[in-house]
Amino acid sequence: MINGSLLRNAIISAAITISNRKREVDELNVYPVPDGDTGTNMSMTIGNSVAELKRLDDKATAAEVASTAASAFLRGARGNSGVILSLIFRGFSKGLAGCEEAGCEDFAKALKLGVEAAYKAVMKPVEGTILTVVKAAAVKARDICNETNDEVVFWQEVCAEAKEVLSRTTEMLPQLKKAGVVDAGGMGLVIIFEAMTAVFAGGEIAVSEETSANTEVTSDSFRTAVSEYDDDITFTYCTEFMLEKNQGCPDVSTLRAYLETIGDCVVVVDDEKIIKVHVHTDNPGKALQKALEFGYFINDPKPKIENMRIQHENKVKDAKAAEEGFVPAEPEKEFGFVAVAAGHGLEAMFTDLGADVVVKGGQTMNPSTDDILRAIMKTPAHNVFVLPNNKNIIMAAEQAVKLTDRKVCVLQTRTVPQGIAAMLAFDESQGLNDNRINMTKAFERVSTGLITFAARNSEFEGHQIKEGEILALENGKLSFTEKDINKATLKLVKKLAKGDISYITLIYGADVTEENAEELQQTIQSKLGDKIEVMLVNGGQPVYYYIISAE
């Protein structure tokens, strides 16, 4: 059996090991644009647990260790890969609940719960990623329980299966096959599991090759493969209820399948007598009606339909309030805003538009769940809109919602121009629901262009890309490469300035001079004529020479 002390040491060793090898994982990313690297994000996520785990004494139970680690993982989660890792370890917390020591069956249950949580969190799961690797590990864990009670053998078999499936991810995703690499998130997970297994087998805790296991993200970071498959769809109503099962209740998996056709964020927990349901949908009535085929509603707790309000965790709030003297702001107004942005100009712009707190972050600086949580709690409002303004930050923001005591609505803004458009569409005279709908419609109408550089040599979407080349991205997709920043910007603006576009906004970054930006603005205006107005803003953002908004 694995006791608490051994489990604690295993997780600490895994944190140190993935920190030591994070660059190895980072280099597996196939997308050439600078972004929050998978290895770095996973390292920072698990590294957030080290200090808290070290405070536990040798008498801590396996359940206490798993709970401590899961809480720290969640608050430290950065990027999509970090959030998925935190959800996998949340399964450990649930699976080992009440355990003084953990055996093979306990860990098999924990892995199963972790897989379920991770798949539910990703709106559009894609095979060939960390999800595939952990799912295979969980299936192997279930099977191996029938063959051995030896925890070391159990974990060695789980790791072997995870590693074997990881090797096959190269063939599962075209991007990985072209690059000839395995999935970065899956690789990070294998490293973590193998490091834990080594300690279970009697090995020593790994030695850090750096001054800290929790290091800062650097500017040569990239995008995780999983983040490329987030979906844009959002739904209005958070619907929750519990059912007492009918006699002869149909297969509950069919209820989940139906709910997935009318919404997302579906959670269906099937107990012997009870079914617990959570879904985000525009049609709560349909969800309730379908549920009656499986059972009858329980009055305590009563069914709940709210605008994306998720049950809060006061215990976590109180703990964070006590930490470092942090004091949450008391709600004084109806609505507040948290925006994520990097660059003095962009930060000032969001503040001018009404953002109460601007979290410094973006492509190479993915803020943690805790960073976003603190910003929410510092916002003196009953209802808080969060604008992540980056695809790789949305999941971390959504996890923060679960830890707060006020209504929080995470708008699915993936770019800075989308965030600006959302804030401009806010109407104080409207309610939360109407504002959410109108702000979402507003940012969905915005097209975004990005001019940046290739962080590595790569072959991507038919493009042969050399490190340092100028990359032009149109609405998140690589459009073309160029040698010259101004030529690339002009060409991309022309592609964006189609249809009913009336305004083009050029937001220039820290590596562009005001003089050069003004000259480019004049050139673009002369090319587009008077029908489209070209505006210039000093964003001061890193990584991107220009962020282009087309409305």
Protein backbone atom coordinates (compact mmCIF):
# COMPACT_ATOMS: atom_id res chain seq x y z
CA MET A 1 0.00 0.00 0.00
CA ILE A 2 1.12 3.57 -0.72
CA ASN A 3 0.95 5.74 2.39
CA GLY A 4 0.58 9.50 2.50
CA SER A 5 4.25 10.19 3.01
CA LEU A 6 5.23 8.14 -0.04
CA LEU A 7 2.54 9.70 -2.20
CA ARG A 8 3.62 13.18 -1.09
CA ASN A 9 7.25 12.45 -1.98
CA ALA A 10 6.21 10.97 -5.34
CA ILE A 11 4.30 14.09 -6.38
CA ILE A 12 7.12 16.38 -5.23
CA SER A 13 9.60 14.31 -7.21
CA ALA A 14 7.33 14.43 -10.27
CA ALA A 15 7.15 18.22 -9.99
CA ILE A 16 10.93 18.50 -9.88
CA THR A 17 11.35 16.03 -12.74
CA ILE A 18 8.94 17.76 -15.12
CA SER A 19 10.58 21.08 -14.26
CA ASN A 20 13.96 19.62 -15.17
CA ARG A 21 12.61 18.26 -18.46
CA LYS A 22 10.11 20.96 -19.41
CA ARG A 23 12.21 22.20 -22.33
CA GLU A 24 12.23 18.69 -23.74
CA VAL A 25 8.42 18.74 -23.67
CA ASP A 26 8.22 22.34 -24.93
CA GLU A 27 10.19 21.41 -28.03
CA LEU A 28 7.54 18.87 -29.05
CA ASN A 29 5.01 21.61 -29.77
CA VAL A 30 4.39 21.74 -33.50
CA TYR A 31 2.76 25.17 -33.79
CA PRO A 32 5.45 27.73 -34.71
CA VAL A 33 3.83 30.76 -33.04
CA PRO A 34 5.24 31.80 -29.64
CA ASP A 35 2.80 30.78 -26.93
CA GLY A 36 2.58 29.25 -23.44
CA ASP A 37 4.55 26.01 -23.79
CA THR A 38 3.02 22.72 -22.71
CA GLY A 39 6.00 21.58 -20.63
CA THR A 40 6.36 24.93 -18.91
CA ASN A 41 2.65 25.17 -18.16
CA MET A 42 2.51 21.63 -16.77
CA SER A 43 5.63 22.29 -14.69
CA MET A 44 4.19 25.45 -13.19
CA THR A 45 0.89 23.72 -12.48
CA ILE A 46 2.33 20.80 -10.52
CA GLY A 47 5.09 22.99 -9.09
CA ASN A 48 2.43 25.05 -7.32
CA SER A 49 1.81 22.08 -5.02
CA VAL A 50 5.36 21.55 -3.80
CA ALA A 51 5.41 24.08 -0.96
CA GLU A 52 2.05 22.94 0.39
CA LEU A 53 3.00 19.27 0.17
CA LYS A 54 6.24 19.91 2.01
CA ARG A 55 4.25 21.39 4.88
CA LEU A 56 2.47 18.06 5.40
CA ASP A 57 4.10 15.78 7.95
CA ASP A 58 4.80 12.07 7.52
CA LYS A 59 1.55 11.17 9.29
CA ALA A 60 -0.65 12.72 6.60
CA THR A 61 -2.96 10.21 4.96
CA ALA A 62 -3.03 9.45 1.26
CA ALA A 63 -6.39 11.23 1.11
CA GLU A 64 -4.96 14.38 2.72
CA VAL A 65 -2.01 14.42 0.35
CA ALA A 66 -4.20 13.92 -2.72
CA SER A 67 -6.61 16.64 -1.60
CA THR A 68 -3.79 19.10 -0.88
CA ALA A 69 -2.15 18.42 -4.23
CA ALA A 70 -5.41 18.67 -6.19
CA SER A 71 -6.30 22.02 -4.64
CA ALA A 72 -2.84 23.44 -5.36
CA PHE A 73 -2.88 22.05 -8.92
CA LEU A 74 -6.22 23.71 -9.59
CA ARG A 75 -5.15 27.12 -8.29
CA GLY A 76 -1.81 26.92 -10.11
CA ALA A 77 -3.18 25.61 -13.40
CA ARG A 78 -1.81 27.49 -16.42
CA GLY A 79 -2.75 26.94 -20.03
CA ASN A 80 -4.98 24.16 -21.29
CA SER A 81 -2.38 21.48 -20.58
CA GLY A 82 -2.06 22.65 -16.99
CA VAL A 83 -5.83 22.69 -16.47
CA ILE A 84 -6.15 19.17 -17.88
CA LEU A 85 -3.34 17.99 -15.59
CA SER A 86 -5.10 19.55 -12.60
CA LEU A 87 -8.32 17.75 -13.49
CA ILE A 88 -6.51 14.42 -13.74
CA PHE A 89 -5.19 14.94 -10.23
CA ARG A 90 -8.60 16.06 -9.02
CA GLY A 91 -9.55 12.47 -9.81
CA PHE A 92 -6.83 11.38 -7.40
CA SER A 93 -8.42 13.51 -4.70
CA LYS A 94 -11.85 11.99 -5.27
CA GLY A 95 -10.59 8.45 -5.81
CA LEU A 96 -8.43 8.41 -2.68
CA ALA A 97 -10.97 10.18 -0.45
CA GLY A 98 -11.01 8.56 2.97
CA CYS A 99 -7.94 6.41 2.28
CA GLU A 100 -5.23 6.16 4.94
CA GLU A 101 -3.20 4.27 2.34
CA ALA A 102 -3.87 3.66 -1.34
CA GLY A 103 -3.82 0.37 -3.19
CA CYS A 104 -4.15 -0.64 -6.81
CA GLU A 105 -7.95 -0.45 -6.87
CA ASP A 106 -7.89 3.00 -5.27
CA PHE A 107 -5.47 4.32 -7.90
CA ALA A 108 -7.46 2.67 -10.71
CA LYS A 109 -10.58 4.45 -9.45
CA ALA A 110 -8.64 7.71 -9.15
CA LEU A 111 -7.39 7.50 -12.74
CA LYS A 112 -10.87 6.72 -14.02
CA LEU A 113 -12.30 9.77 -12.24
CA GLY A 114 -9.46 11.93 -13.53
CA VAL A 115 -10.12 10.86 -17.11
CA GLU A 116 -13.82 11.63 -16.77
CA ALA A 117 -13.11 15.09 -15.35
CA ALA A 118 -10.56 15.90 -18.05
CA TYR A 119 -12.82 14.82 -20.93
CA LYS A 120 -15.74 16.78 -19.53
CA ALA A 121 -13.66 19.95 -19.32
CA VAL A 122 -12.57 19.89 -22.97
CA MET A 123 -15.44 21.06 -25.14
CA LYS A 124 -14.28 19.10 -28.17
CA PRO A 125 -11.94 16.27 -27.08
CA VAL A 126 -9.45 15.19 -29.73
CA GLU A 127 -7.69 11.83 -29.75
CA GLY A 128 -3.94 11.85 -30.10
CA THR A 129 -3.45 14.20 -27.16
CA ILE A 130 -2.86 13.95 -23.41
CA LEU A 131 -6.49 12.83 -23.14
CA THR A 132 -5.78 9.71 -25.18
CA VAL A 133 -2.73 8.88 -23.07
CA VAL A 134 -4.46 9.22 -19.71
CA LYS A 135 -7.52 7.30 -20.92
CA ALA A 136 -5.32 4.38 -21.98
CA ALA A 137 -3.53 4.53 -18.63
CA ALA A 138 -6.86 4.37 -16.79
CA VAL A 139 -8.07 1.38 -18.81
CA LYS A 140 -4.80 -0.45 -18.13
CA ALA A 141 -5.09 0.43 -14.44
CA ARG A 142 -8.53 -1.17 -14.29
CA ASP A 143 -7.31 -4.32 -16.03
CA ILE A 144 -4.09 -4.72 -14.06
CA CYS A 145 -6.02 -4.75 -10.77
CA ASN A 146 -7.17 -8.25 -11.70
CA GLU A 147 -3.57 -9.43 -12.06
CA THR A 148 -1.64 -7.91 -9.15
CA ASN A 149 -1.93 -6.26 -5.75
CA ASP A 150 1.61 -4.92 -5.97
CA GLU A 151 1.39 -1.13 -6.31
CA VAL A 152 4.85 -0.84 -7.89
CA VAL A 153 4.05 -3.43 -10.55
CA PHE A 154 0.69 -1.73 -11.05
CA TRP A 155 2.26 1.67 -11.71
CA GLN A 156 5.02 0.21 -13.89
CA GLU A 157 2.37 -1.40 -16.09
CA VAL A 158 0.33 1.81 -16.20
CA CYS A 159 3.40 3.81 -17.23
CA ALA A 160 4.36 1.26 -19.89
CA GLU A 161 0.89 1.47 -21.41
CA ALA A 162 0.86 5.26 -21.30
CA LYS A 163 4.27 5.37 -22.97
CA GLU A 164 3.23 2.91 -25.68
CA VAL A 165 0.06 4.87 -26.49
CA LEU A 166 2.06 8.10 -26.44
CA SER A 167 4.30 6.70 -29.19
CA ARG A 168 1.20 6.15 -31.33
CA THR A 169 -0.04 9.74 -31.01
CA THR A 170 2.34 10.59 -33.86
CA GLU A 171 0.01 8.71 -36.18
CA MET A 172 -3.21 10.08 -34.68
CA LEU A 173 -2.85 13.76 -35.52
CA PRO A 174 -1.65 15.02 -38.91
CA GLN A 175 0.29 17.88 -37.29
CA LEU A 176 2.26 15.45 -35.13
CA LYS A 177 2.87 13.07 -38.03
CA LYS A 178 4.27 15.82 -40.24
CA ALA A 179 6.59 16.97 -37.49
CA GLY A 180 7.49 13.41 -36.49
CA VAL A 181 6.84 14.03 -32.79
CA VAL A 182 4.56 12.71 -30.07
CA ASP A 183 1.99 14.86 -28.27
CA ALA A 184 3.64 17.27 -25.84
CA GLY A 185 0.95 17.03 -23.15
CA GLY A 186 0.99 13.25 -23.29
CA MET A 187 4.77 13.28 -22.96
CA GLY A 188 4.55 15.53 -19.91
CA LEU A 189 2.05 13.19 -18.28
CA VAL A 190 4.26 10.15 -18.91
CA ILE A 191 7.23 11.96 -17.34
CA ILE A 192 5.13 12.77 -14.27
CA PHE A 193 3.77 9.25 -13.87
CA GLU A 194 7.21 7.67 -14.36
CA ALA A 195 8.74 9.99 -11.77
CA MET A 196 6.03 9.05 -9.26
CA THR A 197 6.53 5.35 -10.00
CA ALA A 198 10.27 5.62 -9.37
CA VAL A 199 9.59 6.91 -5.85
CA PHE A 200 6.98 4.22 -5.21
CA ALA A 201 9.65 1.69 -6.16
CA GLY A 202 12.03 3.03 -3.51
CA GLY A 203 13.86 5.72 -5.44
CA GLU A 204 14.93 9.06 -4.03
CA ILE A 205 13.18 12.36 -4.68
CA ALA A 206 14.57 13.97 -7.82
CA VAL A 207 17.08 16.79 -7.51
CA SER A 208 16.16 20.11 -9.06
CA GLU A 209 18.40 21.41 -11.82
CA GLU A 210 17.07 24.94 -11.22
CA THR A 211 16.66 27.23 -8.25
CA SER A 212 12.94 26.47 -8.08
CA ALA A 213 10.58 23.81 -9.36
CA ASN A 214 8.08 26.54 -10.10
CA THR A 215 9.76 28.74 -12.71
CA GLU A 216 8.47 31.64 -14.72
CA VAL A 217 7.32 31.24 -18.31
CA THR A 218 9.86 32.59 -20.77
CA SER A 219 9.41 34.24 -24.13
CA ASP A 220 10.23 31.14 -26.20
CA SER A 221 7.01 29.34 -25.24
CA PHE A 222 4.52 27.77 -27.64
CA ARG A 223 0.97 26.45 -27.96
CA THR A 224 -0.18 23.02 -26.72
CA ALA A 225 -1.79 20.79 -29.34
CA VAL A 226 -4.94 20.40 -27.26
CA SER A 227 -5.55 24.18 -27.30
CA GLU A 228 -6.04 24.09 -31.05
CA TYR A 229 -9.30 22.23 -30.63
CA ASP A 230 -11.31 24.41 -28.26
CA ASP A 231 -14.77 25.23 -29.61
CA ASP A 232 -16.34 28.67 -29.88
CA ILE A 233 -19.85 27.61 -28.86
CA THR A 234 -21.21 28.94 -25.56
CA PHE A 235 -24.58 28.46 -23.89
CA THR A 236 -26.56 30.66 -21.57
CA TYR A 237 -28.07 28.68 -18.71
CA CYS A 238 -26.28 26.64 -16.09
CA THR A 239 -28.80 23.90 -15.25
CA GLU A 240 -28.36 21.55 -12.29
CA PHE A 241 -30.67 18.95 -10.77
CA MET A 242 -30.81 15.59 -9.03
CA LEU A 243 -33.12 12.69 -9.79
CA GLU A 244 -34.29 9.68 -7.84
CA LYS A 245 -34.12 6.85 -10.37
CA ASN A 246 -37.29 5.24 -11.69
CA GLN A 247 -37.76 1.49 -11.60
CA GLY A 248 -36.34 0.17 -14.84
CA CYS A 249 -34.43 3.39 -15.45
CA PRO A 250 -32.93 3.50 -18.98
CA ASP A 251 -29.17 3.53 -19.52
CA VAL A 252 -28.06 6.86 -18.04
CA SER A 253 -25.41 7.26 -20.76
CA THR A 254 -28.26 8.03 -23.17
CA LEU A 255 -29.21 11.03 -21.02
CA ARG A 256 -25.66 12.34 -21.22
CA ALA A 257 -25.64 11.77 -24.99
CA TYR A 258 -28.86 13.77 -25.36
CA LEU A 259 -27.62 16.65 -23.19
CA GLU A 260 -24.49 16.90 -25.33
CA THR A 261 -26.72 17.62 -28.33
CA ILE A 262 -28.31 20.65 -26.63
CA GLY A 263 -25.40 22.03 -24.60
CA ASP A 264 -21.90 21.59 -23.23
CA CYS A 265 -20.05 21.19 -19.91
CA VAL A 266 -22.17 18.09 -19.36
CA VAL A 267 -21.69 16.18 -16.11
CA VAL A 268 -23.91 13.18 -15.38
CA VAL A 269 -23.10 11.30 -12.19
CA ASP A 270 -24.84 7.94 -12.00
CA ASP A 271 -25.14 6.49 -8.50
CA GLU A 272 -27.16 3.41 -7.50
CA LYS A 273 -30.29 5.41 -6.75
CA ILE A 274 -29.45 9.00 -7.70
CA ILE A 275 -28.59 10.80 -10.94
CA LYS A 276 -26.89 14.19 -10.62
CA VAL A 277 -26.85 16.41 -13.71
CA HIS A 278 -25.06 19.61 -14.69
CA VAL A 279 -25.27 21.16 -18.17
CA HIS A 280 -24.84 24.53 -19.87
CA THR A 281 -27.63 24.91 -22.42
CA ASP A 282 -29.94 27.39 -24.12
CA ASN A 283 -32.82 24.98 -23.55
CA PRO A 284 -33.06 24.06 -19.85
CA GLY A 285 -36.69 23.02 -20.34
CA LYS A 286 -35.64 20.32 -22.78
CA ALA A 287 -33.02 19.06 -20.31
CA LEU A 288 -35.60 18.85 -17.51
CA GLN A 289 -38.17 17.19 -19.75
CA LYS A 290 -35.72 14.54 -20.93
CA ALA A 291 -34.66 13.88 -17.33
CA LEU A 292 -38.21 12.79 -16.43
CA GLU A 293 -37.67 9.68 -18.55
CA PHE A 294 -35.08 8.54 -16.03
CA GLY A 295 -36.50 9.54 -12.66
CA TYR A 296 -38.22 12.20 -10.58
CA PHE A 297 -36.76 15.41 -9.23
CA ILE A 298 -35.54 15.62 -5.66
CA ASN A 299 -36.66 18.68 -3.70
CA ASP A 300 -33.49 18.95 -1.65
CA PRO A 301 -31.52 20.25 -3.40
CA LYS A 302 -34.06 21.77 -5.76
CA PRO A 303 -33.35 22.01 -9.50
CA LYS A 304 -31.34 25.12 -10.28
CA ILE A 305 -31.25 27.22 -13.46
CA GLU A 306 -28.77 30.09 -13.41
CA ASN A 307 -26.72 32.12 -15.83
CA MET A 308 -23.43 30.21 -15.69
CA ARG A 309 -23.24 30.32 -11.94
CA ILE A 310 -21.35 27.36 -10.58
CA GLN A 311 -21.50 26.26 -6.95
CA HIS A 312 -18.87 28.16 -5.01
CA GLU A 313 -16.28 26.83 -2.61
CA ASN A 314 -16.21 29.12 0.42
CA LYS A 315 -13.50 27.09 2.04
CA VAL A 316 -11.07 27.91 -0.76
CA LYS A 317 -12.08 31.56 -0.75
CA ASP A 318 -11.40 31.85 2.98
CA ALA A 319 -8.02 30.17 2.63
CA LYS A 320 -6.99 32.51 -0.17
CA ALA A 321 -8.22 35.54 1.77
CA ALA A 322 -5.94 34.64 4.66
CA GLU A 323 -2.94 34.03 2.41
CA GLU A 324 -0.49 36.93 2.09
CA GLY A 325 -3.02 39.29 3.64
CA PHE A 326 -5.22 39.14 0.54
CA VAL A 327 -8.61 40.71 1.24
CA PRO A 328 -11.43 40.25 -1.29
CA ALA A 329 -13.35 43.36 -2.32
CA GLU A 330 -16.88 43.64 -1.03
CA PRO A 331 -19.41 43.91 -3.87
CA GLU A 332 -20.47 47.56 -4.21
CA LYS A 333 -21.91 47.56 -7.72
CA GLU A 334 -23.86 45.27 -9.98
CA PHE A 335 -21.26 44.55 -12.70
CA GLY A 336 -17.49 44.37 -12.85
CA PHE A 337 -14.85 43.27 -15.35
CA VAL A 338 -11.60 41.32 -15.33
CA ALA A 339 -9.53 41.39 -18.52
CA VAL A 340 -6.28 39.62 -19.41
CA ALA A 341 -3.79 41.66 -21.41
CA ALA A 342 -0.05 42.23 -21.81
CA GLY A 343 1.41 45.62 -22.72
CA HIS A 344 1.07 49.04 -21.11
CA GLY A 345 -1.17 50.38 -23.87
CA LEU A 346 -3.55 47.44 -23.84
CA GLU A 347 -3.74 47.44 -20.06
CA ALA A 348 -4.61 51.14 -20.08
CA MET A 349 -7.17 50.62 -22.84
CA PHE A 350 -9.07 47.95 -20.90
CA THR A 351 -8.94 50.10 -17.77
CA ASP A 352 -10.36 53.05 -19.72
CA LEU A 353 -13.15 50.82 -21.02
CA GLY A 354 -14.14 49.95 -17.46
CA ALA A 355 -12.08 46.91 -16.44
CA ASP A 356 -11.74 46.80 -12.66
CA VAL A 357 -8.70 44.53 -12.75
CA VAL A 358 -6.34 43.76 -15.63
CA VAL A 359 -4.40 40.52 -15.24
CA LYS A 360 -1.04 40.77 -16.92
CA GLY A 361 -0.78 37.87 -19.30
CA GLY A 362 -1.15 36.61 -22.81
CA GLN A 363 0.65 34.43 -25.31
CA THR A 364 3.85 33.69 -23.41
CA MET A 365 2.49 34.56 -19.98
CA ASN A 366 -0.50 32.36 -19.29
CA PRO A 367 -1.89 33.46 -15.91
CA SER A 368 -2.85 30.75 -13.44
CA THR A 369 -6.31 29.93 -12.22
CA ASP A 370 -5.31 31.57 -8.94
CA ASP A 371 -4.23 34.77 -10.70
CA ILE A 372 -7.65 35.04 -12.32
CA LEU A 373 -9.43 34.07 -9.11
CA ARG A 374 -7.68 36.83 -7.19
CA ALA A 375 -8.63 39.34 -9.87
CA ILE A 376 -12.26 38.26 -9.64
CA MET A 377 -12.22 38.55 -5.86
CA LYS A 378 -10.66 42.03 -6.09
CA THR A 379 -13.51 43.19 -8.30
CA PRO A 380 -16.14 44.99 -6.17
CA ALA A 381 -19.16 43.65 -8.03
CA HIS A 382 -21.90 41.06 -7.60
CA ASN A 383 -21.54 39.96 -11.23
CA VAL A 384 -18.11 39.73 -12.85
CA PHE A 385 -17.38 39.31 -16.55
CA VAL A 386 -13.99 37.73 -17.31
CA LEU A 387 -12.35 38.31 -20.69
CA PRO A 388 -9.45 35.85 -21.19
CA ASN A 389 -8.58 37.29 -24.62
CA ASN A 390 -6.56 34.18 -25.43
CA LYS A 391 -7.56 30.63 -26.36
CA ASN A 392 -5.04 29.10 -23.97
CA ILE A 393 -6.39 31.04 -20.96
CA ILE A 394 -10.11 30.27 -21.25
CA MET A 395 -9.95 26.92 -19.43
CA ALA A 396 -8.00 28.39 -16.51
CA ALA A 397 -10.56 31.19 -16.23
CA GLU A 398 -13.41 28.68 -16.22
CA GLN A 399 -11.76 26.75 -13.38
CA ALA A 400 -11.51 29.97 -11.35
CA VAL A 401 -15.30 30.33 -11.53
CA LYS A 402 -15.67 27.29 -9.28
CA LEU A 403 -13.67 28.90 -6.50
CA THR A 404 -15.43 32.23 -6.11
CA ASP A 405 -18.45 33.45 -4.15
CA ARG A 406 -19.98 35.72 -6.78
CA LYS A 407 -21.58 35.29 -10.17
CA VAL A 408 -18.89 35.04 -12.82
CA CYS A 409 -19.37 34.88 -16.56
CA VAL A 410 -16.34 33.88 -18.62
CA LEU A 411 -16.77 35.24 -22.12
CA GLN A 412 -14.97 33.12 -24.71
CA THR A 413 -12.83 35.98 -26.06
CA ARG A 414 -9.78 34.57 -27.80
CA THR A 415 -8.10 37.78 -28.88
CA VAL A 416 -7.61 41.30 -27.56
CA PRO A 417 -9.84 42.84 -30.27
CA GLN A 418 -12.63 40.47 -29.25
CA GLY A 419 -12.23 41.56 -25.63
CA ILE A 420 -12.39 45.23 -26.58
CA ALA A 421 -15.50 44.67 -28.71
CA ALA A 422 -17.18 42.80 -25.85
CA MET A 423 -16.58 45.63 -23.39
CA LEU A 424 -17.80 48.25 -25.84
CA ALA A 425 -21.06 46.29 -26.20
CA PHE A 426 -21.79 46.28 -22.45
CA ASP A 427 -24.96 48.14 -21.49
CA GLU A 428 -25.34 48.94 -17.79
CA SER A 429 -29.11 49.19 -18.16
CA GLN A 430 -29.32 45.55 -19.26
CA GLY A 431 -29.23 42.46 -17.06
CA LEU A 432 -26.52 39.82 -16.86
CA ASN A 433 -28.12 37.49 -19.37
CA ASP A 434 -28.83 40.15 -22.00
CA ASN A 435 -25.34 41.59 -21.64
CA ARG A 436 -23.77 38.17 -21.99
CA ILE A 437 -25.66 37.52 -25.20
CA ASN A 438 -25.00 40.98 -26.67
CA MET A 439 -21.33 41.02 -25.70
CA THR A 440 -20.85 37.56 -27.20
CA LYS A 441 -22.52 38.62 -30.45
CA ALA A 442 -20.31 41.70 -30.55
CA PHE A 443 -16.99 39.92 -30.18
CA GLU A 444 -18.00 37.17 -32.59
CA ARG A 445 -18.36 39.83 -35.31
CA VAL A 446 -14.74 40.91 -34.93
CA SER A 447 -12.02 39.53 -37.17
CA THR A 448 -8.50 39.46 -35.78
CA GLY A 449 -5.16 39.53 -37.55
CA LEU A 450 -1.84 38.89 -35.84
CA ILE A 451 1.68 39.61 -37.08
CA THR A 452 4.40 37.78 -35.20
CA PHE A 453 7.53 35.68 -35.79
CA ALA A 454 8.24 31.98 -36.15
CA ALA A 455 9.72 30.65 -32.95
CA ARG A 456 11.16 27.56 -34.64
CA ASN A 457 11.67 25.83 -37.96
CA SER A 458 8.47 24.03 -38.81
CA GLU A 459 6.28 22.55 -41.49
CA PHE A 460 2.74 23.57 -40.68
CA GLU A 461 -0.45 23.47 -42.76
CA GLY A 462 1.56 23.14 -45.95
CA HIS A 463 3.93 25.98 -45.06
CA GLN A 464 7.67 25.46 -44.80
CA ILE A 465 8.57 27.88 -42.04
CA LYS A 466 11.99 29.04 -40.94
CA GLU A 467 12.74 30.36 -37.49
CA GLY A 468 12.47 34.15 -37.42
CA GLU A 469 10.17 34.44 -40.44
CA ILE A 470 7.21 36.78 -40.14
CA LEU A 471 3.94 34.94 -39.62
CA ALA A 472 0.49 36.32 -40.44
CA LEU A 473 -2.46 34.75 -38.65
CA GLU A 474 -6.05 35.34 -39.71
CA ASN A 475 -8.57 34.55 -36.97
CA GLY A 476 -6.19 32.15 -35.30
CA LYS A 477 -5.13 30.32 -38.46
CA LEU A 478 -1.76 30.68 -40.16
CA SER A 479 -2.45 32.59 -43.38
CA PHE A 480 1.00 33.16 -44.91
CA THR A 481 4.64 33.94 -44.16
CA GLU A 482 6.68 36.96 -45.14
CA LYS A 483 10.16 38.43 -44.78
CA ASP A 484 9.04 41.98 -43.99
CA ILE A 485 6.78 43.09 -41.12
CA ASN A 486 5.15 45.99 -43.02
CA LYS A 487 4.49 43.92 -46.14
CA ALA A 488 2.96 41.16 -44.03
CA THR A 489 0.74 43.63 -42.16
CA LEU A 490 -0.50 45.34 -45.32
CA LYS A 491 -1.26 42.02 -47.00
CA LEU A 492 -3.13 40.71 -43.95
CA VAL A 493 -5.16 43.93 -43.60
CA LYS A 494 -6.27 43.60 -47.23
CA LYS A 495 -7.44 40.04 -46.52
CA LEU A 496 -9.38 41.19 -43.47
CA ALA A 497 -10.88 44.32 -45.07
CA LYS A 498 -13.63 42.57 -46.97
CA GLY A 499 -17.41 42.60 -46.81
CA ASP A 500 -18.98 45.18 -44.51
CA ILE A 501 -15.78 46.16 -42.70
CA SER A 502 -15.80 49.85 -41.71
CA TYR A 503 -12.92 50.07 -39.25
CA ILE A 504 -9.41 48.69 -39.10
CA THR A 505 -7.49 49.17 -35.86
CA LEU A 506 -3.73 48.61 -35.83
CA ILE A 507 -2.40 47.89 -32.34
CA TYR A 508 1.38 48.05 -32.49
CA GLY A 509 3.64 46.26 -30.08
CA ALA A 510 6.72 46.93 -28.01
CA ASP A 511 9.09 46.10 -30.88
CA VAL A 512 7.56 48.64 -33.30
CA THR A 513 8.43 52.34 -33.18
CA GLU A 514 5.72 54.98 -33.26
CA GLU A 515 7.23 56.44 -36.42
CA ASN A 516 7.13 53.13 -38.27
CA ALA A 517 3.58 52.46 -37.09
CA GLU A 518 2.35 55.86 -38.27
CA GLU A 519 3.94 55.40 -41.70
CA LEU A 520 2.30 51.99 -42.04
CA GLN A 521 -1.06 53.42 -40.98
CA GLN A 522 -0.83 56.08 -43.71
CA THR A 523 0.15 53.50 -46.32
CA ILE A 524 -2.74 51.20 -45.41
CA GLN A 525 -5.23 54.10 -45.36
CA SER A 526 -4.16 55.15 -48.83
CA LYS A 527 -4.58 51.59 -50.12
CA LEU A 528 -8.03 51.11 -48.56
CA GLY A 529 -9.47 54.51 -49.47
CA ASP A 530 -12.04 56.51 -47.52
CA LYS A 531 -14.65 53.79 -47.01
CA ILE A 532 -12.60 52.14 -44.26
CA GLU A 533 -11.10 54.14 -41.41
CA VAL A 534 -7.68 52.96 -40.18
CA MET A 535 -6.94 53.76 -36.54
CA LEU A 536 -3.65 53.36 -34.69
CA VAL A 537 -3.16 52.34 -31.05
CA ASN A 538 0.06 51.88 -29.07
CA GLY A 539 -0.54 48.56 -27.34
CA GLY A 540 3.00 47.95 -26.18
CA GLN A 541 2.36 44.20 -26.31
CA PRO A 542 5.19 41.67 -26.48
CA VAL A 543 5.44 38.90 -29.10
CA TYR A 544 3.09 40.47 -31.66
CA TYR A 545 4.33 43.31 -33.85
CA TYR A 546 0.74 44.14 -34.78
CA ILE A 547 -2.67 43.06 -33.56
CA ILE A 548 -5.27 43.96 -36.19
CA SER A 549 -8.96 44.40 -35.48
CA ALA A 550 -11.44 44.44 -38.36
CA GLU A 551 -15.06 45.45 -37.68
